[in-house]
């Protein structure tokens, strides 16, 4: 094992001990963020898979249906949002899987810091490397679907807000299924029904921007859903991890 890998494993086992002798919540959260970012950037394939899937779906859809710009512009909001939702779902199964396999997850449960906050840090990394890139990539793919230029900003904002909620909700399912050898299908069944409100208001915001009706109300609801997820999801993630690990 290299020195860098040993350092990462040490940070995983004792996240509160990094940065200052006394540890503390802020240090533990920062150590978790840094560790997960380092590990994910070493596995670039896992980071790129959702983005490649997103691009392929949007690229192939006009070929399979019709290149008619009016038809594509009509279905573009829902298509972009559904494709982004499925792309984000692809990477959820590995959110806690690596920590479970190498024993780091048990160390997180034993850490003196709240497991909810450490779990939130891991979800933040997932959003930074999956949800945010999808939101930035979507306007470029929207050009292929003849999406009106005035809706690009709303599309990016709605996906940035919505994908954060998707990561938080999906992390609950990932925590519940982390101990299962083939939990990917069960994870999809658990979280997809909970994704529906985010999908409705996210696609609705883009549709409202296209029609010129104003997307502020839809974005406000997406923000409210994100605030609710931020309040409740970390504690649900922590409880789910304890159930998965301790039975």
Protein backbone atom coordinates (compact mmCIF):
# COMPACT_ATOMS: atom_id res chain seq x y z
CA UNK A 1 0.00 0.00 0.00
CA UNK A 2 1.33 3.44 -0.93
CA UNK A 3 1.77 6.25 1.58
CA UNK A 4 -1.12 8.14 0.00
CA UNK A 5 -3.46 5.15 0.32
CA UNK A 6 -2.36 4.61 3.91
CA UNK A 7 -3.10 8.27 4.66
CA UNK A 8 -6.57 8.01 3.17
CA UNK A 9 -7.33 4.86 5.17
CA UNK A 10 -6.07 6.55 8.34
CA UNK A 11 -8.32 9.56 7.70
CA UNK A 12 -11.25 7.19 7.16
CA UNK A 13 -10.68 5.37 10.42
CA UNK A 14 -10.15 8.51 12.50
CA UNK A 15 -11.75 11.47 10.69
CA UNK A 16 -11.86 13.58 13.82
CA UNK A 17 -8.14 13.30 14.40
CA UNK A 18 -7.12 15.12 11.22
CA UNK A 19 -6.09 18.78 11.24
CA UNK A 20 -5.95 19.53 14.96
CA UNK A 21 -5.36 17.48 18.10
CA UNK A 22 -8.76 18.07 19.63
CA UNK A 23 -10.69 16.95 16.59
CA UNK A 24 -14.11 18.54 16.53
CA UNK A 25 -17.11 18.40 14.22
CA UNK A 26 -15.77 20.88 11.65
CA UNK A 27 -12.48 18.99 11.39
CA UNK A 28 -14.28 15.64 11.06
CA UNK A 29 -16.58 16.95 8.33
CA UNK A 30 -13.65 18.48 6.46
CA UNK A 31 -11.63 15.26 6.75
CA UNK A 32 -14.59 13.25 5.40
CA UNK A 33 -15.04 15.66 2.49
CA UNK A 34 -11.34 15.58 1.65
CA UNK A 35 -11.11 11.81 1.90
CA UNK A 36 -14.16 11.13 -0.27
CA UNK A 37 -13.07 13.66 -2.89
CA UNK A 38 -9.63 12.05 -3.02
CA UNK A 39 -11.03 8.55 -3.40
CA UNK A 40 -13.59 9.53 -6.02
CA UNK A 41 -11.08 11.46 -8.11
CA UNK A 42 -8.91 8.33 -8.15
CA UNK A 43 -11.86 6.40 -9.55
CA UNK A 44 -12.60 8.70 -12.45
CA UNK A 45 -14.64 6.03 -14.21
CA UNK A 46 -17.29 6.14 -11.48
CA UNK A 47 -17.45 9.93 -11.77
CA UNK A 48 -17.70 9.93 -15.57
CA UNK A 49 -20.25 7.11 -15.91
CA UNK A 50 -23.32 9.22 -14.99
CA UNK A 51 -22.20 12.06 -17.26
CA UNK A 52 -21.60 9.72 -20.20
CA UNK A 53 -24.96 8.03 -19.62
CA UNK A 54 -26.69 11.43 -19.52
CA UNK A 55 -25.04 12.55 -22.76
CA UNK A 56 -25.78 9.27 -24.56
CA UNK A 57 -29.48 9.29 -23.65
CA UNK A 58 -29.95 12.86 -24.81
CA UNK A 59 -27.94 12.22 -27.98
CA UNK A 60 -29.82 9.07 -28.96
CA UNK A 61 -33.31 10.29 -28.17
CA UNK A 62 -33.69 12.60 -31.22
CA UNK A 63 -32.44 9.76 -33.44
CA UNK A 64 -34.99 7.34 -32.02
CA UNK A 65 -38.00 9.69 -32.10
CA UNK A 66 -37.72 12.56 -34.54
CA UNK A 67 -35.35 15.43 -35.33
CA UNK A 68 -38.29 17.85 -35.53
CA UNK A 69 -37.26 20.92 -33.44
CA UNK A 70 -40.80 21.68 -32.27
CA UNK A 71 -41.35 18.14 -31.01
CA UNK A 72 -37.95 18.04 -29.32
CA UNK A 73 -38.51 21.40 -27.61
CA UNK A 74 -41.85 20.10 -26.28
CA UNK A 75 -40.39 16.98 -24.68
CA UNK A 76 -37.00 18.48 -23.73
CA UNK A 77 -37.81 19.56 -20.11
CA UNK A 78 -39.11 16.15 -19.07
CA UNK A 79 -36.49 14.25 -21.05
CA UNK A 80 -33.57 16.21 -19.60
CA UNK A 81 -34.87 15.82 -16.08
CA UNK A 82 -35.63 12.10 -16.35
CA UNK A 83 -32.23 11.41 -17.90
CA UNK A 84 -30.47 13.43 -15.18
CA UNK A 85 -32.45 11.61 -12.47
CA UNK A 86 -31.47 8.20 -13.83
CA UNK A 87 -27.86 9.29 -14.28
CA UNK A 88 -27.66 10.40 -10.65
CA UNK A 89 -29.23 7.10 -9.59
CA UNK A 90 -26.42 5.16 -11.29
CA UNK A 91 -23.82 6.35 -8.81
CA UNK A 92 -25.89 6.00 -5.64
CA UNK A 93 -25.20 2.33 -5.00
CA UNK A 94 -21.49 3.04 -4.50
CA UNK A 95 -22.08 5.96 -2.11
CA UNK A 96 -21.44 3.89 1.04
CA UNK A 97 -20.40 0.60 -0.59
CA UNK A 98 -16.64 1.25 -0.57
CA UNK A 99 -16.68 2.27 3.10
CA UNK A 100 -18.71 -0.80 3.97
CA UNK A 101 -16.31 -3.13 2.17
CA UNK A 102 -13.10 -1.74 3.72
CA UNK A 103 -14.49 -1.33 7.25
CA UNK A 104 -14.43 2.48 7.28
CA UNK A 105 -18.19 2.65 7.78
CA UNK A 106 -17.95 0.94 11.16
CA UNK A 107 -15.33 3.51 12.19
CA UNK A 108 -17.70 6.33 11.22
CA UNK A 109 -20.37 4.81 13.45
CA UNK A 110 -17.87 4.70 16.34
CA UNK A 111 -16.66 8.28 15.83
CA UNK A 112 -17.60 10.78 18.57
CA UNK A 113 -19.03 13.19 15.99
CA UNK A 114 -22.68 12.93 14.86
CA UNK A 115 -23.03 10.32 12.13
CA UNK A 116 -25.68 12.50 10.46
CA UNK A 117 -23.14 15.26 9.78
CA UNK A 118 -20.51 12.84 8.48
CA UNK A 119 -23.11 11.28 6.21
CA UNK A 120 -24.10 14.74 5.00
CA UNK A 121 -20.48 15.38 4.05
CA UNK A 122 -20.44 12.21 1.95
CA UNK A 123 -23.66 13.26 0.22
CA UNK A 124 -22.14 16.67 -0.49
CA UNK A 125 -19.25 14.98 -2.32
CA UNK A 126 -21.72 12.92 -4.34
CA UNK A 127 -23.56 16.09 -5.38
CA UNK A 128 -20.34 17.96 -6.21
CA UNK A 129 -19.14 15.18 -8.51
CA UNK A 130 -22.48 14.07 -9.95
CA UNK A 131 -25.35 16.50 -9.49
CA UNK A 132 -23.48 19.74 -10.14
CA UNK A 133 -21.73 18.46 -13.32
CA UNK A 134 -25.10 17.24 -14.61
CA UNK A 135 -26.60 20.67 -13.99
CA UNK A 136 -23.75 22.39 -15.83
CA UNK A 137 -23.87 19.89 -18.69
CA UNK A 138 -27.63 20.04 -19.23
CA UNK A 139 -27.78 23.42 -21.07
CA UNK A 140 -25.23 22.17 -23.61
CA UNK A 141 -27.34 19.08 -24.28
CA UNK A 142 -30.44 21.28 -24.34
CA UNK A 143 -29.14 22.80 -27.57
CA UNK A 144 -29.44 19.37 -29.20
CA UNK A 145 -33.11 19.26 -28.17
CA UNK A 146 -33.86 22.71 -29.63
CA UNK A 147 -34.50 24.10 -26.15
CA UNK A 148 -35.13 27.88 -26.29
CA UNK A 149 -32.12 29.93 -25.22
CA UNK A 150 -34.02 31.72 -22.46
CA UNK A 151 -34.56 28.51 -20.52
CA UNK A 152 -30.92 27.42 -20.17
CA UNK A 153 -30.30 29.25 -16.91
CA UNK A 154 -33.53 27.97 -15.35
CA UNK A 155 -32.62 24.44 -16.44
CA UNK A 156 -29.21 24.65 -14.77
CA UNK A 157 -30.60 26.19 -11.56
CA UNK A 158 -33.46 23.72 -11.28
CA UNK A 159 -31.12 20.77 -11.80
CA UNK A 160 -28.62 22.13 -9.28
CA UNK A 161 -31.35 22.46 -6.63
CA UNK A 162 -33.16 19.27 -7.57
CA UNK A 163 -30.07 17.08 -7.84
CA UNK A 164 -29.08 18.05 -4.30
CA UNK A 165 -32.47 16.78 -3.09
CA UNK A 166 -32.05 13.65 -5.20
CA UNK A 167 -28.65 12.97 -3.60
CA UNK A 168 -30.04 13.39 -0.09
CA UNK A 169 -33.09 11.20 -0.71
CA UNK A 170 -31.07 8.62 -2.61
CA UNK A 171 -28.51 8.41 0.17
CA UNK A 172 -31.22 7.12 2.51
CA UNK A 173 -31.90 4.23 0.17
CA UNK A 174 -28.17 3.65 -0.36
CA UNK A 175 -27.68 3.47 3.41
CA UNK A 176 -30.51 0.97 3.80
CA UNK A 177 -29.19 -1.33 1.07
CA UNK A 178 -25.45 -1.02 1.71
CA UNK A 179 -25.29 -4.40 3.43
CA UNK A 180 -26.99 -6.24 0.56
CA UNK A 181 -24.88 -7.89 -2.12
CA UNK A 182 -27.27 -6.87 -4.91
CA UNK A 183 -29.05 -3.85 -3.58
CA UNK A 184 -29.11 -1.77 -6.77
CA UNK A 185 -32.60 -2.84 -7.88
CA UNK A 186 -34.02 -2.51 -4.37
CA UNK A 187 -32.41 0.92 -4.09
CA UNK A 188 -34.19 2.06 -7.26
CA UNK A 189 -37.53 0.76 -6.01
CA UNK A 190 -37.07 2.58 -2.69
CA UNK A 191 -36.07 6.00 -3.93
CA UNK A 192 -37.80 6.45 -7.32
CA UNK A 193 -41.27 7.11 -5.81
CA UNK A 194 -39.70 9.76 -3.55
CA UNK A 195 -38.10 11.43 -6.57
CA UNK A 196 -41.44 12.20 -8.22
CA UNK A 197 -42.14 15.60 -6.54
CA UNK A 198 -38.64 16.84 -7.42
CA UNK A 199 -39.09 15.64 -10.99
CA UNK A 200 -42.49 17.33 -11.37
CA UNK A 201 -41.39 20.74 -10.14
CA UNK A 202 -37.99 20.57 -11.83
CA UNK A 203 -39.44 19.83 -15.25
CA UNK A 204 -42.23 22.31 -14.54
CA UNK A 205 -39.72 25.09 -13.94
CA UNK A 206 -38.11 24.54 -17.34
CA UNK A 207 -41.50 24.27 -19.03
CA UNK A 208 -42.63 27.54 -17.40
CA UNK A 209 -39.45 29.26 -18.61
CA UNK A 210 -40.15 28.06 -22.16
CA UNK A 211 -43.73 29.35 -22.06
CA UNK A 212 -42.69 32.62 -20.45
CA UNK A 213 -44.91 32.09 -17.39
CA UNK A 214 -42.10 32.60 -14.88
CA UNK A 215 -40.34 29.79 -13.08
CA UNK A 216 -39.92 31.48 -9.68
CA UNK A 217 -42.69 29.47 -8.02
CA UNK A 218 -41.29 26.15 -9.20
CA UNK A 219 -37.78 27.08 -8.11
CA UNK A 220 -39.10 28.18 -4.72
CA UNK A 221 -40.76 24.79 -4.24
CA UNK A 222 -37.54 23.04 -5.28
CA UNK A 223 -35.70 25.15 -2.69
CA UNK A 224 -38.28 24.23 -0.05
CA UNK A 225 -37.92 20.53 -0.89
CA UNK A 226 -34.15 20.87 -0.57
CA UNK A 227 -34.47 22.63 2.79
CA UNK A 228 -36.78 19.87 4.04
CA UNK A 229 -34.37 17.21 2.79
CA UNK A 230 -31.44 18.94 4.50
CA UNK A 231 -33.32 18.93 7.80
CA UNK A 232 -34.54 15.34 7.74
CA UNK A 233 -32.36 13.27 5.41
CA UNK A 234 -29.07 13.33 7.42
CA UNK A 235 -30.78 11.80 10.45
CA UNK A 236 -32.57 9.24 8.28
CA UNK A 237 -29.23 8.36 6.65
CA UNK A 238 -27.60 7.89 10.06
CA UNK A 239 -30.45 5.68 11.28
CA UNK A 240 -30.38 3.65 8.08
CA UNK A 241 -26.63 3.07 8.36
CA UNK A 242 -27.01 1.86 11.93
CA UNK A 243 -29.77 -0.52 10.84
CA UNK A 244 -27.65 -1.86 7.99
CA UNK A 245 -24.53 -2.33 10.10
CA UNK A 246 -26.01 -3.45 13.42
CA UNK A 247 -29.13 -5.20 12.13
